Amino acid sequence: MSWFKRHLVVGCLIAVVFFAVLDAYRWPGEDAHLATILVASAGWPVFAALVVGGAIGDVVHGMKSGKAG
């Protein structure tokens, strides 16, 4: 995955989680919308998997190319 696509995906996931939190913050005394709950609960594991997977992928790539220190 190129750096542009990776940053685009991570940026979109951050925006999705941000807007879900913003929607929940706007209505503090009421129940959260179902869409907000679904987006927040589905967004953070994908974001975490991308971050951890990207870090592991960079380490493995460095090891294969002999640049791991």
Protein backbone atom coordinates (compact mmCIF):
# COMPACT_ATOMS: atom_id res chain seq x y z
CA MET A 1 0.00 0.00 0.00
CA SER A 2 1.45 3.35 -0.96
CA TRP A 3 1.98 6.03 1.66
CA PHE A 4 -0.81 8.17 0.17
CA LYS A 5 -3.40 5.39 0.40
CA ARG A 6 -2.26 4.51 3.92
CA HIS A 7 -2.56 8.10 5.12
CA LEU A 8 -5.91 8.50 3.35
CA VAL A 9 -7.34 5.40 5.06
CA VAL A 10 -6.02 6.39 8.48
CA GLY A 11 -7.29 9.95 8.00
CA CYS A 12 -10.76 8.71 7.06
CA LEU A 13 -10.89 6.41 10.07
CA ILE A 14 -9.83 9.23 12.38
CA ALA A 15 -12.53 11.44 10.86
CA VAL A 16 -15.19 8.74 11.31
CA VAL A 17 -14.35 8.23 14.96
CA PHE A 18 -14.10 12.01 15.51
CA PHE A 19 -17.53 12.67 14.03
CA ALA A 20 -19.05 9.81 16.05
CA VAL A 21 -17.63 11.32 19.23
CA LEU A 22 -18.79 14.78 18.18
CA ASP A 23 -22.32 13.48 17.58
CA ALA A 24 -22.37 11.82 20.99
CA TYR A 25 -21.04 15.01 22.62
CA ARG A 26 -23.79 17.17 21.10
CA TRP A 27 -26.53 15.25 22.88
CA PRO A 28 -25.14 14.67 26.40
CA GLY A 29 -28.40 13.97 28.24
CA GLU A 30 -29.98 11.76 25.59
CA ASP A 31 -29.30 8.29 24.34
CA ALA A 32 -26.71 8.08 21.60
CA HIS A 33 -27.84 7.44 18.07
CA LEU A 34 -27.52 3.86 16.91
CA ALA A 35 -25.32 4.93 14.00
CA THR A 36 -22.94 6.69 16.38
CA ILE A 37 -22.60 3.58 18.51
CA LEU A 38 -22.04 1.35 15.49
CA VAL A 39 -19.47 3.67 13.91
CA ALA A 40 -17.53 4.13 17.13
CA SER A 41 -17.57 0.43 17.97
CA ALA A 42 -16.57 -0.60 14.44
CA GLY A 43 -14.10 2.23 13.85
CA TRP A 44 -11.61 1.89 16.66
CA PRO A 45 -10.72 -1.80 16.13
CA VAL A 46 -10.09 -1.16 12.43
CA PHE A 47 -7.94 1.85 13.28
CA ALA A 48 -5.99 -0.14 15.88
CA ALA A 49 -5.49 -3.03 13.46
CA LEU A 50 -4.15 -0.66 10.80
CA VAL A 51 -1.71 0.95 13.21
CA VAL A 52 -0.45 -2.33 14.66
CA GLY A 53 -0.41 -4.06 11.27
CA GLY A 54 1.46 -1.18 9.70
CA ALA A 55 4.05 -1.19 12.46
CA ILE A 56 4.55 -4.96 12.18
CA GLY A 57 4.70 -4.71 8.39
CA ASP A 58 7.38 -2.02 8.59
CA VAL A 59 9.46 -4.15 10.98
CA VAL A 60 9.15 -7.25 8.77
CA HIS A 61 10.02 -5.23 5.68
CA GLY A 62 13.07 -3.82 7.45
CA MET A 63 14.16 -7.28 8.52
CA LYS A 64 13.82 -8.69 5.01
CA SER A 65 15.78 -5.83 3.49
CA GLY A 66 18.50 -6.07 6.16
CA LYS A 67 17.83 -2.63 7.63
CA ALA A 68 16.51 -3.75 11.00
CA GLY A 69 18.61 -2.53 13.87
